[in-house]
Amino acid sequence: MRRLHVSPAELRGLLERADAHGIGGAIHAIGDRANTAVIDTFEELGIPGVIEHAQLVRAEDFARFAPLGLVASVQPEHAMDDRDVADLHWPGRTGRAFAYASLHDAGATLRFGSDAPVAVLDPWFAIAAATSRSRDDRTPWHPEQRVSLDVALAASMRGRTRVEVGDVADLAVLDDDPYTVSAERLRDLPVAGTLVGGRWTWRGI
């Protein structure tokens, strides 16, 4: 169904009210019409925010994310779940669907998630989907939209890929090197232990 659940005028009012109270906006947008409307509203108000899902984006809108300070909060496993539905309902447009490489190349900040329980909570599923664009031995779907493991890890870890002095030390210790394993192995990557604030919260040995 091609309709907006919230009109642009109503969205503007909600974002103005939130911003006046120091609350950042996180707006769900799936289709390209919805994403354009949300981007337009953020631009009109001159405030940063988050677009949840950003599943189908018009080609001219990719470059608008970064200058406006918009974060693309995306769920890479949804691309694997929805690829057949997308091909059915968005024929000729899926080259810009779940388009993580296009967003990254345009300078947008990517933030990976799962949308659990819609998809599996395990972050390695999202990382595997984003770097391979494949699952269950299927041919990669629009492989040009794959991102590197460095990009996927940063999108999963608040933009960080290494530990530095002064970090909060929320860490996962792995049994395998994610840079050397297959995409399917990433989905089942063993975790030897976890730390929160530098304290062990789980150890596998």
N, C-alpha and C. Protein backbone atom coordinates (compact mmCIF):
# COMPACT_ATOMS: atom_id res chain seq x y z
N MET A 1 0.84 -1.17 0.00
CA MET A 1 0.00 0.00 0.00
C MET A 1 0.89 1.24 0.00
N ARG A 2 0.67 2.12 -0.95
CA ARG A 2 1.51 3.29 -1.08
C ARG A 2 0.87 4.46 -0.33
N ARG A 3 1.17 4.56 0.95
CA ARG A 3 0.63 5.68 1.72
C ARG A 3 1.58 5.97 2.87
N LEU A 4 1.50 7.21 3.34
CA LEU A 4 2.29 7.62 4.48
C LEU A 4 1.45 7.49 5.74
N HIS A 5 1.98 6.86 6.75
CA HIS A 5 1.25 6.72 8.01
C HIS A 5 1.22 8.04 8.77
N VAL A 6 2.21 8.87 8.54
CA VAL A 6 2.27 10.19 9.16
C VAL A 6 2.52 11.20 8.05
N SER A 7 1.68 12.21 7.94
CA SER A 7 1.84 13.20 6.88
C SER A 7 3.08 14.06 7.14
N PRO A 8 3.64 14.66 6.10
CA PRO A 8 4.80 15.54 6.30
C PRO A 8 4.51 16.67 7.30
N ALA A 9 3.30 17.22 7.26
CA ALA A 9 2.96 18.31 8.19
C ALA A 9 2.95 17.81 9.63
N GLU A 10 2.37 16.62 9.84
CA GLU A 10 2.35 16.06 11.19
C GLU A 10 3.75 15.69 11.65
N LEU A 11 4.55 15.14 10.74
CA LEU A 11 5.93 14.78 11.07
C LEU A 11 6.71 16.02 11.47
N ARG A 12 6.53 17.10 10.73
CA ARG A 12 7.24 18.33 11.06
C ARG A 12 6.88 18.80 12.47
N GLY A 13 5.60 18.76 12.81
CA GLY A 13 5.17 19.17 14.13
C GLY A 13 5.76 18.32 15.23
N LEU A 14 5.79 17.02 15.01
CA LEU A 14 6.35 16.10 16.00
C LEU A 14 7.84 16.34 16.20
N LEU A 15 8.56 16.54 15.10
CA LEU A 15 10.00 16.77 15.21
C LEU A 15 10.30 18.12 15.86
N GLU A 16 9.51 19.12 15.55
CA GLU A 16 9.69 20.43 16.19
C GLU A 16 9.48 20.32 17.70
N ARG A 17 8.45 19.60 18.09
CA ARG A 17 8.16 19.43 19.52
C ARG A 17 9.28 18.66 20.21
N ALA A 18 9.74 17.57 19.57
CA ALA A 18 10.82 16.78 20.15
C ALA A 18 12.09 17.61 20.29
N ASP A 19 12.44 18.33 19.23
CA ASP A 19 13.67 19.12 19.25
C ASP A 19 13.61 20.21 20.32
N ALA A 20 12.44 20.79 20.52
CA ALA A 20 12.29 21.83 21.54
C ALA A 20 12.53 21.30 22.94
N HIS A 21 12.35 20.01 23.12
CA HIS A 21 12.56 19.38 24.42
C HIS A 21 13.86 18.58 24.49
N GLY A 22 14.74 18.79 23.50
CA GLY A 22 16.04 18.13 23.51
C GLY A 22 16.01 16.67 23.15
N ILE A 23 14.98 16.25 22.43
CA ILE A 23 14.84 14.84 22.03
C ILE A 23 15.16 14.71 20.55
N GLY A 24 16.10 13.84 20.22
CA GLY A 24 16.45 13.61 18.82
C GLY A 24 15.39 12.78 18.13
N GLY A 25 15.21 13.02 16.86
CA GLY A 25 14.19 12.29 16.10
C GLY A 25 14.75 11.04 15.44
N ALA A 26 14.02 9.94 15.57
CA ALA A 26 14.33 8.69 14.87
C ALA A 26 13.06 8.28 14.15
N ILE A 27 13.06 8.39 12.84
CA ILE A 27 11.85 8.23 12.04
C ILE A 27 11.95 6.99 11.16
N HIS A 28 10.92 6.17 11.19
CA HIS A 28 10.87 4.99 10.34
C HIS A 28 10.47 5.39 8.91
N ALA A 29 11.25 4.91 7.95
CA ALA A 29 10.93 5.15 6.54
C ALA A 29 11.38 3.94 5.73
N ILE A 30 10.47 3.38 4.96
CA ILE A 30 10.77 2.17 4.19
C ILE A 30 10.96 2.51 2.71
N GLY A 31 9.92 2.98 2.05
CA GLY A 31 9.97 3.23 0.63
C GLY A 31 10.66 4.53 0.26
N ASP A 32 10.94 4.72 -1.03
CA ASP A 32 11.68 5.90 -1.46
C ASP A 32 10.87 7.18 -1.26
N ARG A 33 9.56 7.12 -1.44
CA ARG A 33 8.74 8.31 -1.21
C ARG A 33 8.82 8.73 0.25
N ALA A 34 8.71 7.76 1.14
CA ALA A 34 8.76 8.06 2.57
C ALA A 34 10.13 8.60 2.97
N ASN A 35 11.20 8.00 2.45
CA ASN A 35 12.54 8.47 2.79
C ASN A 35 12.76 9.90 2.31
N THR A 36 12.31 10.22 1.11
CA THR A 36 12.45 11.59 0.62
C THR A 36 11.68 12.57 1.51
N ALA A 37 10.47 12.20 1.90
CA ALA A 37 9.67 13.07 2.75
C ALA A 37 10.34 13.32 4.09
N VAL A 38 10.93 12.28 4.66
CA VAL A 38 11.60 12.42 5.95
C VAL A 38 12.86 13.27 5.81
N ILE A 39 13.64 13.02 4.78
CA ILE A 39 14.85 13.81 4.56
C ILE A 39 14.48 15.28 4.35
N ASP A 40 13.44 15.52 3.56
CA ASP A 40 12.99 16.90 3.31
C ASP A 40 12.63 17.59 4.63
N THR A 41 11.96 16.88 5.51
CA THR A 41 11.52 17.48 6.77
C THR A 41 12.71 17.81 7.66
N PHE A 42 13.65 16.89 7.78
CA PHE A 42 14.86 17.18 8.56
C PHE A 42 15.59 18.39 7.96
N GLU A 43 15.66 18.45 6.64
CA GLU A 43 16.35 19.56 5.99
C GLU A 43 15.64 20.89 6.26
N GLU A 44 14.31 20.89 6.18
CA GLU A 44 13.54 22.12 6.43
C GLU A 44 13.74 22.62 7.85
N LEU A 45 13.82 21.69 8.80
CA LEU A 45 13.98 22.08 10.20
C LEU A 45 15.44 22.37 10.57
N GLY A 46 16.36 21.88 9.77
CA GLY A 46 17.77 22.11 10.05
C GLY A 46 18.28 21.38 11.27
N ILE A 47 17.74 20.18 11.51
CA ILE A 47 18.16 19.39 12.67
C ILE A 47 18.64 18.01 12.20
N PRO A 48 19.59 17.42 12.94
CA PRO A 48 20.04 16.06 12.60
C PRO A 48 19.04 15.04 13.13
N GLY A 49 19.23 13.80 12.75
CA GLY A 49 18.34 12.76 13.24
C GLY A 49 18.73 11.40 12.69
N VAL A 50 17.85 10.46 12.91
CA VAL A 50 18.06 9.07 12.51
C VAL A 50 16.90 8.63 11.62
N ILE A 51 17.22 7.97 10.53
CA ILE A 51 16.19 7.34 9.70
C ILE A 51 16.31 5.84 9.89
N GLU A 52 15.26 5.27 10.46
CA GLU A 52 15.23 3.83 10.69
C GLU A 52 14.80 3.10 9.43
N HIS A 53 15.58 2.12 9.04
CA HIS A 53 15.36 1.20 7.92
C HIS A 53 15.94 1.75 6.62
N ALA A 54 15.44 2.91 6.13
CA ALA A 54 15.96 3.48 4.88
C ALA A 54 16.13 2.38 3.82
N GLN A 55 15.09 1.59 3.62
CA GLN A 55 15.23 0.40 2.79
C GLN A 55 15.28 0.70 1.29
N LEU A 56 14.55 1.72 0.85
CA LEU A 56 14.59 2.08 -0.57
C LEU A 56 14.77 3.59 -0.65
N VAL A 57 15.87 4.00 -1.25
CA VAL A 57 16.24 5.42 -1.28
C VAL A 57 16.43 5.85 -2.73
N ARG A 58 15.89 7.01 -3.06
CA ARG A 58 16.09 7.56 -4.40
C ARG A 58 17.56 7.88 -4.62
N ALA A 59 18.01 7.71 -5.85
CA ALA A 59 19.44 7.89 -6.15
C ALA A 59 19.94 9.26 -5.72
N GLU A 60 19.13 10.28 -5.91
CA GLU A 60 19.57 11.63 -5.58
C GLU A 60 19.56 11.91 -4.08
N ASP A 61 18.98 11.00 -3.29
CA ASP A 61 18.87 11.24 -1.85
C ASP A 61 20.05 10.66 -1.05
N PHE A 62 20.82 9.76 -1.63
CA PHE A 62 21.95 9.19 -0.87
C PHE A 62 22.89 10.28 -0.37
N ALA A 63 23.19 11.22 -1.24
CA ALA A 63 24.15 12.27 -0.89
C ALA A 63 23.60 13.30 0.09
N ARG A 64 22.33 13.22 0.42
CA ARG A 64 21.73 14.20 1.33
C ARG A 64 21.93 13.82 2.80
N PHE A 65 22.19 12.55 3.08
CA PHE A 65 22.30 12.10 4.47
C PHE A 65 23.41 12.82 5.21
N ALA A 66 24.62 12.76 4.68
CA ALA A 66 25.79 13.28 5.41
C ALA A 66 25.71 14.78 5.69
N PRO A 67 25.43 15.63 4.69
CA PRO A 67 25.38 17.07 4.98
C PRO A 67 24.33 17.45 6.02
N LEU A 68 23.26 16.65 6.10
CA LEU A 68 22.18 16.96 7.04
C LEU A 68 22.40 16.31 8.41
N GLY A 69 23.48 15.53 8.53
CA GLY A 69 23.75 14.86 9.80
C GLY A 69 22.76 13.75 10.11
N LEU A 70 22.29 13.07 9.06
CA LEU A 70 21.32 11.99 9.24
C LEU A 70 22.03 10.64 9.31
N VAL A 71 21.65 9.86 10.28
CA VAL A 71 22.17 8.50 10.46
C VAL A 71 21.22 7.52 9.79
N ALA A 72 21.76 6.59 9.02
CA ALA A 72 20.95 5.52 8.44
C ALA A 72 21.04 4.31 9.36
N SER A 73 20.00 4.11 10.15
CA SER A 73 19.94 2.97 11.08
C SER A 73 19.30 1.81 10.34
N VAL A 74 20.12 0.84 9.94
CA VAL A 74 19.67 -0.20 9.01
C VAL A 74 19.85 -1.59 9.62
N GLN A 75 19.16 -2.55 9.03
CA GLN A 75 19.15 -3.92 9.51
C GLN A 75 19.50 -4.84 8.33
N PRO A 76 20.78 -5.12 8.14
CA PRO A 76 21.21 -5.85 6.94
C PRO A 76 20.55 -7.22 6.74
N GLU A 77 20.20 -7.89 7.82
CA GLU A 77 19.56 -9.20 7.66
C GLU A 77 18.19 -9.08 6.99
N HIS A 78 17.56 -7.90 7.10
CA HIS A 78 16.28 -7.70 6.40
C HIS A 78 16.44 -7.83 4.89
N ALA A 79 17.60 -7.46 4.38
CA ALA A 79 17.83 -7.58 2.94
C ALA A 79 17.75 -9.03 2.51
N MET A 80 18.26 -9.93 3.36
CA MET A 80 18.20 -11.36 3.05
C MET A 80 16.79 -11.91 3.23
N ASP A 81 16.09 -11.41 4.24
CA ASP A 81 14.72 -11.85 4.47
C ASP A 81 13.77 -11.37 3.37
N ASP A 82 14.01 -10.16 2.86
CA ASP A 82 13.03 -9.50 1.99
C ASP A 82 13.43 -9.44 0.52
N ARG A 83 14.52 -10.06 0.14
CA ARG A 83 15.01 -9.89 -1.23
C ARG A 83 13.98 -10.33 -2.27
N ASP A 84 13.28 -11.43 -2.03
CA ASP A 84 12.30 -11.91 -3.01
C ASP A 84 11.08 -11.00 -3.08
N VAL A 85 10.65 -10.52 -1.91
CA VAL A 85 9.51 -9.60 -1.86
C VAL A 85 9.88 -8.28 -2.54
N ALA A 86 11.11 -7.83 -2.30
CA ALA A 86 11.56 -6.59 -2.92
C ALA A 86 11.61 -6.71 -4.43
N ASP A 87 12.13 -7.85 -4.92
CA ASP A 87 12.18 -8.06 -6.38
C ASP A 87 10.78 -8.07 -6.97
N LEU A 88 9.80 -8.58 -6.21
CA LEU A 88 8.42 -8.66 -6.69
C LEU A 88 7.76 -7.29 -6.71
N HIS A 89 7.91 -6.53 -5.64
CA HIS A 89 7.17 -5.28 -5.51
C HIS A 89 7.95 -4.03 -5.92
N TRP A 90 9.28 -4.14 -6.02
CA TRP A 90 10.10 -2.99 -6.42
C TRP A 90 10.90 -3.34 -7.68
N PRO A 91 10.27 -3.89 -8.71
CA PRO A 91 11.04 -4.27 -9.91
C PRO A 91 11.72 -3.06 -10.53
N GLY A 92 13.00 -3.27 -10.90
CA GLY A 92 13.75 -2.20 -11.52
C GLY A 92 14.32 -1.19 -10.54
N ARG A 93 14.02 -1.35 -9.24
CA ARG A 93 14.50 -0.37 -8.25
C ARG A 93 15.37 -1.00 -7.17
N THR A 94 15.53 -2.31 -7.19
CA THR A 94 16.22 -2.96 -6.08
C THR A 94 17.72 -2.70 -6.05
N GLY A 95 18.27 -2.09 -7.09
CA GLY A 95 19.67 -1.70 -7.05
C GLY A 95 19.93 -0.62 -6.02
N ARG A 96 18.88 0.07 -5.59
CA ARG A 96 19.00 1.08 -4.54
C ARG A 96 18.18 0.70 -3.30
N ALA A 97 17.93 -0.60 -3.16
CA ALA A 97 17.24 -1.11 -1.98
C ALA A 97 18.26 -1.74 -1.03
N PHE A 98 18.10 -1.43 0.27
CA PHE A 98 19.07 -1.92 1.26
C PHE A 98 20.49 -1.58 0.77
N ALA A 99 20.63 -0.36 0.31
CA ALA A 99 21.82 0.04 -0.45
C ALA A 99 22.91 0.59 0.47
N TYR A 100 23.52 -0.31 1.22
CA TYR A 100 24.48 0.11 2.25
C TYR A 100 25.76 0.68 1.65
N ALA A 101 26.21 0.13 0.55
CA ALA A 101 27.41 0.67 -0.10
C ALA A 101 27.15 2.07 -0.63
N SER A 102 25.99 2.28 -1.23
CA SER A 102 25.66 3.61 -1.75
C SER A 102 25.58 4.63 -0.63
N LEU A 103 24.99 4.25 0.49
CA LEU A 103 24.91 5.15 1.63
C LEU A 103 26.30 5.47 2.17
N HIS A 104 27.10 4.42 2.34
CA HIS A 104 28.46 4.63 2.87
C HIS A 104 29.30 5.47 1.93
N ASP A 105 29.25 5.15 0.63
CA ASP A 105 30.06 5.88 -0.34
C ASP A 105 29.67 7.35 -0.40
N ALA A 106 28.40 7.65 -0.08
CA ALA A 106 27.94 9.04 -0.09
C ALA A 106 28.27 9.76 1.21
N GLY A 107 28.89 9.05 2.16
CA GLY A 107 29.30 9.67 3.41
C GLY A 107 28.32 9.55 4.54
N ALA A 108 27.24 8.81 4.33
CA ALA A 108 26.26 8.65 5.40
C ALA A 108 26.83 7.80 6.53
N THR A 109 26.42 8.10 7.75
CA THR A 109 26.78 7.28 8.90
C THR A 109 25.84 6.09 8.96
N LEU A 110 26.40 4.88 8.91
CA LEU A 110 25.61 3.66 9.00
C LEU A 110 25.61 3.17 10.44
N ARG A 111 24.44 2.76 10.89
CA ARG A 111 24.32 2.15 12.21
C ARG A 111 23.55 0.84 12.03
N PHE A 112 24.22 -0.28 12.31
CA PHE A 112 23.60 -1.58 12.11
C PHE A 112 22.80 -2.01 13.34
N GLY A 113 21.71 -2.70 13.08
CA GLY A 113 20.91 -3.30 14.14
C GLY A 113 20.20 -4.52 13.60
N SER A 114 19.29 -5.07 14.40
CA SER A 114 18.61 -6.28 14.01
C SER A 114 17.10 -6.10 13.87
N ASP A 115 16.54 -5.11 14.56
CA ASP A 115 15.09 -4.96 14.66
C ASP A 115 14.47 -6.19 15.34
N ALA A 116 15.23 -6.81 16.24
CA ALA A 116 14.73 -8.00 16.95
C ALA A 116 13.41 -7.68 17.65
N PRO A 117 12.46 -8.61 17.65
CA PRO A 117 12.58 -10.01 17.20
C PRO A 117 12.27 -10.24 15.72
N VAL A 118 12.18 -9.16 14.93
CA VAL A 118 11.90 -9.34 13.50
C VAL A 118 13.03 -10.13 12.84
N ALA A 119 14.27 -9.83 13.20
CA ALA A 119 15.42 -10.60 12.74
C ALA A 119 16.24 -11.01 13.96
N VAL A 120 17.19 -11.88 13.73
CA VAL A 120 18.00 -12.42 14.82
C VAL A 120 18.80 -11.31 15.49
N LEU A 121 18.83 -11.31 16.82
CA LEU A 121 19.51 -10.26 17.58
C LEU A 121 21.03 -10.28 17.38
N ASP A 122 21.61 -11.45 17.19
CA ASP A 122 23.06 -11.62 17.07
C ASP A 122 23.64 -10.66 16.04
N PRO A 123 24.55 -9.75 16.42
CA PRO A 123 25.08 -8.78 15.46
C PRO A 123 25.87 -9.39 14.33
N TRP A 124 26.39 -10.61 14.51
CA TRP A 124 27.17 -11.22 13.44
C TRP A 124 26.31 -11.58 12.24
N PHE A 125 25.00 -11.79 12.45
CA PHE A 125 24.11 -12.03 11.31
C PHE A 125 24.05 -10.78 10.44
N ALA A 126 23.93 -9.61 11.06
CA ALA A 126 23.89 -8.36 10.31
C ALA A 126 25.21 -8.12 9.58
N ILE A 127 26.32 -8.38 10.26
CA ILE A 127 27.64 -8.17 9.65
C ILE A 127 27.82 -9.10 8.46
N ALA A 128 27.44 -10.36 8.61
CA ALA A 128 27.56 -11.33 7.51
C ALA A 128 26.70 -10.92 6.32
N ALA A 129 25.47 -10.48 6.59
CA ALA A 129 24.58 -10.08 5.51
C ALA A 129 25.10 -8.86 4.77
N ALA A 130 25.64 -7.90 5.51
CA ALA A 130 26.11 -6.66 4.90
C ALA A 130 27.36 -6.88 4.06
N THR A 131 28.21 -7.81 4.46
CA THR A 131 29.47 -8.03 3.75
C THR A 131 29.37 -9.05 2.63
N SER A 132 28.32 -9.87 2.65
CA SER A 132 28.21 -10.91 1.62
C SER A 132 26.98 -10.74 0.72
N ARG A 133 25.92 -10.10 1.25
CA ARG A 133 24.65 -9.98 0.55
C ARG A 133 24.11 -11.34 0.14
N SER A 134 24.37 -12.34 0.98
CA SER A 134 23.94 -13.69 0.67
C SER A 134 23.64 -14.45 1.95
N ARG A 135 22.84 -15.51 1.79
CA ARG A 135 22.54 -16.41 2.90
C ARG A 135 22.05 -17.72 2.32
N ASP A 136 22.30 -18.80 3.03
CA ASP A 136 21.81 -20.13 2.60
C ASP A 136 22.31 -20.51 1.22
N ASP A 137 23.56 -20.13 0.92
CA ASP A 137 24.20 -20.50 -0.35
C ASP A 137 23.53 -19.90 -1.58
N ARG A 138 22.68 -18.90 -1.41
CA ARG A 138 22.07 -18.24 -2.56
C ARG A 138 23.07 -17.29 -3.21
N THR A 139 22.84 -16.99 -4.47
CA THR A 139 23.66 -16.03 -5.18
C THR A 139 23.56 -14.67 -4.49
N PRO A 140 24.67 -13.97 -4.30
CA PRO A 140 24.60 -12.66 -3.66
C PRO A 140 23.60 -11.75 -4.38
N TRP A 141 22.82 -11.06 -3.59
CA TRP A 141 21.78 -10.16 -4.11
C TRP A 141 22.35 -8.75 -4.19
N HIS A 142 22.43 -8.22 -5.40
CA HIS A 142 23.05 -6.91 -5.63
C HIS A 142 24.37 -6.79 -4.87
N PRO A 143 25.34 -7.61 -5.26
CA PRO A 143 26.63 -7.62 -4.55
C PRO A 143 27.34 -6.27 -4.58
N GLU A 144 26.96 -5.40 -5.51
CA GLU A 144 27.59 -4.07 -5.54
C GLU A 144 27.26 -3.26 -4.29
N GLN A 145 26.27 -3.71 -3.53
CA GLN A 145 25.89 -3.00 -2.30
C GLN A 145 26.53 -3.61 -1.06
N ARG A 146 27.48 -4.53 -1.25
CA ARG A 146 28.23 -5.04 -0.10
C ARG A 146 29.12 -3.95 0.47
N VAL A 147 29.40 -4.05 1.76
CA VAL A 147 30.37 -3.15 2.39
C VAL A 147 31.50 -4.01 2.95
N SER A 148 32.64 -3.39 3.20
CA SER A 148 33.78 -4.13 3.74
C SER A 148 33.53 -4.51 5.19
N LEU A 149 34.32 -5.45 5.67
CA LEU A 149 34.18 -5.86 7.07
C LEU A 149 34.51 -4.70 8.00
N ASP A 150 35.49 -3.87 7.63
CA ASP A 150 35.81 -2.70 8.45
C ASP A 150 34.60 -1.79 8.61
N VAL A 151 33.90 -1.54 7.52
CA VAL A 151 32.71 -0.69 7.56
C VAL A 151 31.61 -1.34 8.38
N ALA A 152 31.42 -2.65 8.18
CA ALA A 152 30.37 -3.35 8.92
C ALA A 152 30.64 -3.38 10.41
N LEU A 153 31.90 -3.59 10.80
CA LEU A 153 32.24 -3.60 12.22
C LEU A 153 32.04 -2.22 12.83
N ALA A 154 32.46 -1.17 12.12
CA ALA A 154 32.28 0.19 12.63
C ALA A 154 30.80 0.52 12.78
N ALA A 155 29.98 0.07 11.82
CA ALA A 155 28.54 0.34 11.89
C ALA A 155 27.87 -0.42 13.03
N SER A 156 28.53 -1.46 13.51
CA SER A 156 28.00 -2.26 14.61
C SER A 156 28.53 -1.84 15.96
N MET A 157 29.56 -0.97 15.97
CA MET A 157 30.26 -0.64 17.22
C MET A 157 30.45 0.86 17.40
N ARG A 158 29.38 1.61 17.12
CA ARG A 158 29.41 3.06 17.36
C ARG A 158 30.55 3.75 16.62
N GLY A 159 30.89 3.22 15.47
CA GLY A 159 31.91 3.84 14.66
C GLY A 159 33.33 3.45 14.98
N ARG A 160 33.51 2.58 15.95
CA ARG A 160 34.87 2.21 16.38
C ARG A 160 35.24 0.82 15.88
N THR A 161 36.51 0.64 15.59
CA THR A 161 37.00 -0.68 15.20
C THR A 161 38.19 -1.12 16.03
N ARG A 162 38.63 -0.30 16.98
CA ARG A 162 39.76 -0.67 17.84
C ARG A 162 39.57 -0.03 19.21
N VAL A 163 40.24 -0.61 20.19
CA VAL A 163 40.15 -0.13 21.56
C VAL A 163 41.24 0.90 21.82
N GLU A 164 40.88 1.99 22.46
CA GLU A 164 41.85 3.03 22.79
C GLU A 164 41.71 3.40 24.26
N VAL A 165 42.74 4.02 24.79
CA VAL A 165 42.72 4.46 26.19
C VAL A 165 41.53 5.38 26.41
N GLY A 166 40.78 5.10 27.49
CA GLY A 166 39.62 5.91 27.81
C GLY A 166 38.31 5.34 27.32
N ASP A 167 38.35 4.27 26.52
CA ASP A 167 37.12 3.64 26.06
C ASP A 167 36.40 2.96 27.22
N VAL A 168 35.11 2.68 27.01
CA VAL A 168 34.30 2.09 28.08
C VAL A 168 34.63 0.62 28.32
N ALA A 169 35.36 -0.01 27.43
CA ALA A 169 35.79 -1.40 27.57
C ALA A 169 34.62 -2.37 27.63
N ASP A 170 33.63 -2.15 26.77
CA ASP A 170 32.61 -3.17 26.50
C ASP A 170 33.16 -3.99 25.35
N LEU A 171 33.59 -5.22 25.62
CA LEU A 171 34.36 -5.99 24.64
C LEU A 171 33.81 -7.39 24.46
N ALA A 172 34.03 -7.92 23.28
CA ALA A 172 33.78 -9.33 23.01
C ALA A 172 35.10 -9.95 22.56
N VAL A 173 35.43 -11.09 23.15
CA VAL A 173 36.65 -11.83 22.80
C VAL A 173 36.21 -13.02 21.96
N LEU A 174 36.79 -13.14 20.76
CA LEU A 174 36.33 -14.15 19.80
C LEU A 174 37.30 -15.31 19.71
N ASP A 175 36.77 -16.46 19.34
CA ASP A 175 37.59 -17.65 19.12
C ASP A 175 38.21 -17.68 17.73
N ASP A 176 37.58 -16.99 16.77
CA ASP A 176 38.09 -16.95 15.40
C ASP A 176 38.30 -15.50 14.97
N ASP A 177 39.14 -15.32 13.97
CA ASP A 177 39.39 -14.01 13.41
C ASP A 177 38.32 -13.71 12.35
N PRO A 178 37.46 -12.72 12.55
CA PRO A 178 36.40 -12.46 11.57
C PRO A 178 36.93 -12.07 10.19
N TYR A 179 38.19 -11.65 10.12
CA TYR A 179 38.76 -11.28 8.82
C TYR A 179 39.18 -12.49 7.99
N THR A 180 39.19 -13.66 8.59
CA THR A 180 39.67 -14.83 7.86
C THR A 180 38.61 -15.90 7.65
N VAL A 181 37.42 -15.73 8.25
CA VAL A 181 36.40 -16.77 8.15
C VAL A 181 35.41 -16.45 7.03
N SER A 182 34.63 -17.45 6.64
CA SER A 182 33.63 -17.28 5.60
C SER A 182 32.42 -16.52 6.14
N ALA A 183 31.57 -16.07 5.21
CA ALA A 183 30.36 -15.36 5.61
C ALA A 183 29.46 -16.24 6.46
N GLU A 184 29.35 -17.50 6.10
CA GLU A 184 28.51 -18.41 6.90
C GLU A 184 29.11 -18.62 8.28
N ARG A 185 30.43 -18.66 8.36
CA ARG A 185 31.07 -18.81 9.68
C ARG A 185 30.83 -17.58 10.54
N LEU A 186 30.76 -16.41 9.91
CA LEU A 186 30.47 -15.19 10.67
C LEU A 186 29.14 -15.30 11.41
N ARG A 187 28.18 -16.00 10.79
CA ARG A 187 26.86 -16.15 11.41
C ARG A 187 26.90 -17.05 12.64
N ASP A 188 27.96 -17.77 12.79
CA ASP A 188 28.08 -18.71 13.92
C ASP A 188 29.41 -18.52 14.62
N LEU A 189 29.86 -17.27 14.68
CA LEU A 189 31.19 -16.98 15.22
C LEU A 189 31.22 -17.23 16.72
N PRO A 190 32.12 -18.10 17.20
CA PRO A 190 32.17 -18.40 18.64
C PRO A 190 32.70 -17.21 19.43
N VAL A 191 32.10 -16.96 20.57
CA VAL A 191 32.53 -15.90 21.46
C VAL A 191 33.14 -16.54 22.71
N ALA A 192 34.40 -16.21 22.97
CA ALA A 192 35.10 -16.80 24.11
C ALA A 192 34.75 -16.09 25.42
N GLY A 193 34.36 -14.83 25.31
CA GLY A 193 34.01 -14.10 26.53
C GLY A 193 33.55 -12.69 26.22
N THR A 194 32.88 -12.07 27.18
CA THR A 194 32.43 -10.69 27.04
C THR A 194 32.77 -9.92 28.30
N LEU A 195 33.06 -8.64 28.10
CA LEU A 195 33.34 -7.73 29.21
C LEU A 195 32.45 -6.50 29.07
N VAL A 196 31.96 -6.01 30.17
CA VAL A 196 31.21 -4.76 30.21
C VAL A 196 31.90 -3.84 31.20
N GLY A 197 32.33 -2.69 30.72
CA GLY A 197 33.06 -1.78 31.58
C GLY A 197 34.35 -2.36 32.10
N GLY A 198 34.93 -3.29 31.32
CA GLY A 198 36.19 -3.90 31.72
C GLY A 198 36.06 -5.08 32.65
N ARG A 199 34.84 -5.47 32.99
CA ARG A 199 34.62 -6.62 33.88
C ARG A 199 34.03 -7.78 33.10
N TRP A 200 34.57 -8.97 33.36
CA TRP A 200 34.04 -10.16 32.69
C TRP A 200 32.59 -10.38 33.08
N THR A 201 31.73 -10.52 32.05
CA THR A 201 30.33 -10.88 32.32
C THR A 201 30.01 -12.30 31.85
N TRP A 202 30.87 -12.83 31.01
CA TRP A 202 30.74 -14.23 30.59
C TRP A 202 32.07 -14.72 30.06
N ARG A 203 32.41 -15.95 30.40
CA ARG A 203 33.63 -16.56 29.87
C ARG A 203 33.30 -18.00 29.48
N GLY A 204 33.76 -18.34 28.26
CA GLY A 204 33.47 -19.67 27.75
C GLY A 204 34.37 -20.74 28.26
N ILE A 205 35.40 -20.37 29.01
CA ILE A 205 36.32 -21.39 29.54
C ILE A 205 36.46 -21.21 31.04
